[in-house]
Amino acid sequence: MIVMILKIVLAFFLPPTAAFWQARLGLQFWINLILTIIGWIPGVIHALWLILRNRPKRAEPSKGSPSPAKG
């Protein structure tokens, strides 16, 4: 949770750094760098989108025994 908050704060101040932290040197980083050069706000929006779309999903509690196979 703390890492997620840190990434969001970083996305506001240094969008390419947050994009790098999330996507390494992949295509999304380069897109974010270009958007940030064009304008700071598009870079921030893209960095936030990267961070928030890749949130880990919480595991659903198991119901006990697995459901029987249909056949």
C-alpha atoms as a PDB file:
ATOM      1  CA  MET A   1       0.000   0.000   0.000  1.00  0.00           C
ATOM      2  CA  ILE A   2       2.817   2.407   0.832  1.00  0.00           C
ATOM      3  CA  VAL A   3       4.522   1.619  -2.465  1.00  0.00           C
ATOM      4  CA  MET A   4       1.290   2.397  -4.338  1.00  0.00           C
ATOM      5  CA  ILE A   5       0.978   5.775  -2.588  1.00  0.00           C
ATOM      6  CA  LEU A   6       4.619   6.544  -3.333  1.00  0.00           C
ATOM      7  CA  LYS A   7       4.095   5.713  -7.021  1.00  0.00           C
ATOM      8  CA  ILE A   8       1.038   7.986  -7.195  1.00  0.00           C
ATOM      9  CA  VAL A   9       2.909  10.882  -5.581  1.00  0.00           C
ATOM     10  CA  LEU A  10       5.839  10.298  -7.914  1.00  0.00           C
ATOM     11  CA  ALA A  11       3.459  10.302 -10.900  1.00  0.00           C
ATOM     12  CA  PHE A  12       2.477  13.888 -10.077  1.00  0.00           C
ATOM     13  CA  PHE A  13       6.013  15.232  -9.758  1.00  0.00           C
ATOM     14  CA  LEU A  14       8.058  13.035 -12.133  1.00  0.00           C
ATOM     15  CA  PRO A  15       5.717  11.099 -14.441  1.00  0.00           C
ATOM     16  CA  PRO A  16       8.468   9.332 -16.457  1.00  0.00           C
ATOM     17  CA  THR A  17      10.080   8.073 -13.254  1.00  0.00           C
ATOM     18  CA  ALA A  18       6.778   6.594 -12.080  1.00  0.00           C
ATOM     19  CA  ALA A  19       6.236   5.053 -15.522  1.00  0.00           C
ATOM     20  CA  PHE A  20       9.738   3.562 -15.424  1.00  0.00           C
ATOM     21  CA  TRP A  21       9.091   2.141 -11.972  1.00  0.00           C
ATOM     22  CA  GLN A  22       5.891   0.533 -13.255  1.00  0.00           C
ATOM     23  CA  ALA A  23       6.855  -0.560 -16.797  1.00  0.00           C
ATOM     24  CA  ARG A  24      10.687  -0.432 -16.881  1.00  0.00           C
ATOM     25  CA  LEU A  25      12.074   0.632 -20.277  1.00  0.00           C
ATOM     26  CA  GLY A  26       9.134  -0.760 -22.210  1.00  0.00           C
ATOM     27  CA  LEU A  27       6.874   0.979 -24.671  1.00  0.00           C
ATOM     28  CA  GLN A  28       4.760   2.561 -21.923  1.00  0.00           C
ATOM     29  CA  PHE A  29       7.801   4.354 -20.502  1.00  0.00           C
ATOM     30  CA  TRP A  30       8.658   5.887 -23.879  1.00  0.00           C
ATOM     31  CA  ILE A  31       5.050   6.899 -24.477  1.00  0.00           C
ATOM     32  CA  ASN A  32       5.013   8.564 -21.067  1.00  0.00           C
ATOM     33  CA  LEU A  33       8.281  10.367 -21.741  1.00  0.00           C
ATOM     34  CA  ILE A  34       6.943  11.756 -25.030  1.00  0.00           C
ATOM     35  CA  LEU A  35       3.654  12.792 -23.398  1.00  0.00           C
ATOM     36  CA  THR A  36       5.543  14.534 -20.596  1.00  0.00           C
ATOM     37  CA  ILE A  37       7.720  16.409 -23.099  1.00  0.00           C
ATOM     38  CA  ILE A  38       4.604  17.508 -25.008  1.00  0.00           C
ATOM     39  CA  GLY A  39       2.919  18.599 -21.799  1.00  0.00           C
ATOM     40  CA  TRP A  40       3.216  17.777 -18.137  1.00  0.00           C
ATOM     41  CA  ILE A  41      -0.486  16.994 -17.597  1.00  0.00           C
ATOM     42  CA  PRO A  42      -0.719  14.278 -20.305  1.00  0.00           C
ATOM     43  CA  GLY A  43       2.339  12.641 -18.759  1.00  0.00           C
ATOM     44  CA  VAL A  44       0.753  12.709 -15.297  1.00  0.00           C
ATOM     45  CA  ILE A  45      -2.513  11.238 -16.602  1.00  0.00           C
ATOM     46  CA  HIS A  46      -0.678   8.467 -18.417  1.00  0.00           C
ATOM     47  CA  ALA A  47       1.500   7.651 -15.404  1.00  0.00           C
ATOM     48  CA  LEU A  48      -1.547   7.472 -13.141  1.00  0.00           C
ATOM     49  CA  TRP A  49      -3.301   5.252 -15.673  1.00  0.00           C
ATOM     50  CA  LEU A  50      -0.297   2.921 -15.733  1.00  0.00           C
ATOM     51  CA  ILE A  51      -0.147   2.676 -11.974  1.00  0.00           C
ATOM     52  CA  LEU A  52      -3.867   2.278 -11.326  1.00  0.00           C
ATOM     53  CA  ARG A  53      -4.599  -0.209 -14.110  1.00  0.00           C
ATOM     54  CA  ASN A  54      -1.945  -2.624 -12.834  1.00  0.00           C
ATOM     55  CA  ARG A  55      -3.138  -2.797  -9.246  1.00  0.00           C
ATOM     56  CA  PRO A  56      -2.816  -6.263  -7.815  1.00  0.00           C
ATOM     57  CA  LYS A  57      -6.199  -7.890  -7.315  1.00  0.00           C
ATOM     58  CA  ARG A  58      -7.085  -9.185  -3.895  1.00  0.00           C
ATOM     59  CA  ALA A  59      -7.464 -12.910  -3.638  1.00  0.00           C
ATOM     60  CA  GLU A  60     -11.028 -13.999  -3.096  1.00  0.00           C
ATOM     61  CA  PRO A  61     -11.592 -16.145  -0.032  1.00  0.00           C
ATOM     62  CA  SER A  62     -11.903 -19.816  -0.814  1.00  0.00           C
ATOM     63  CA  LYS A  63     -15.268 -21.469  -0.245  1.00  0.00           C
ATOM     64  CA  GLY A  64     -13.737 -24.645   1.188  1.00  0.00           C
ATOM     65  CA  SER A  65     -13.904 -27.544  -1.209  1.00  0.00           C
ATOM     66  CA  PRO A  66     -13.555 -26.991  -4.962  1.00  0.00           C
ATOM     67  CA  SER A  67     -16.694 -27.172  -7.055  1.00  0.00           C
ATOM     68  CA  PRO A  68     -17.374 -30.527  -8.734  1.00  0.00           C
ATOM     69  CA  ALA A  69     -16.444 -30.858 -12.376  1.00  0.00           C
ATOM     70  CA  LYS A  70     -19.328 -30.777 -14.785  1.00  0.00           C
ATOM     71  CA  GLY A  71     -19.263 -33.487 -17.353  1.00  0.00           C
END
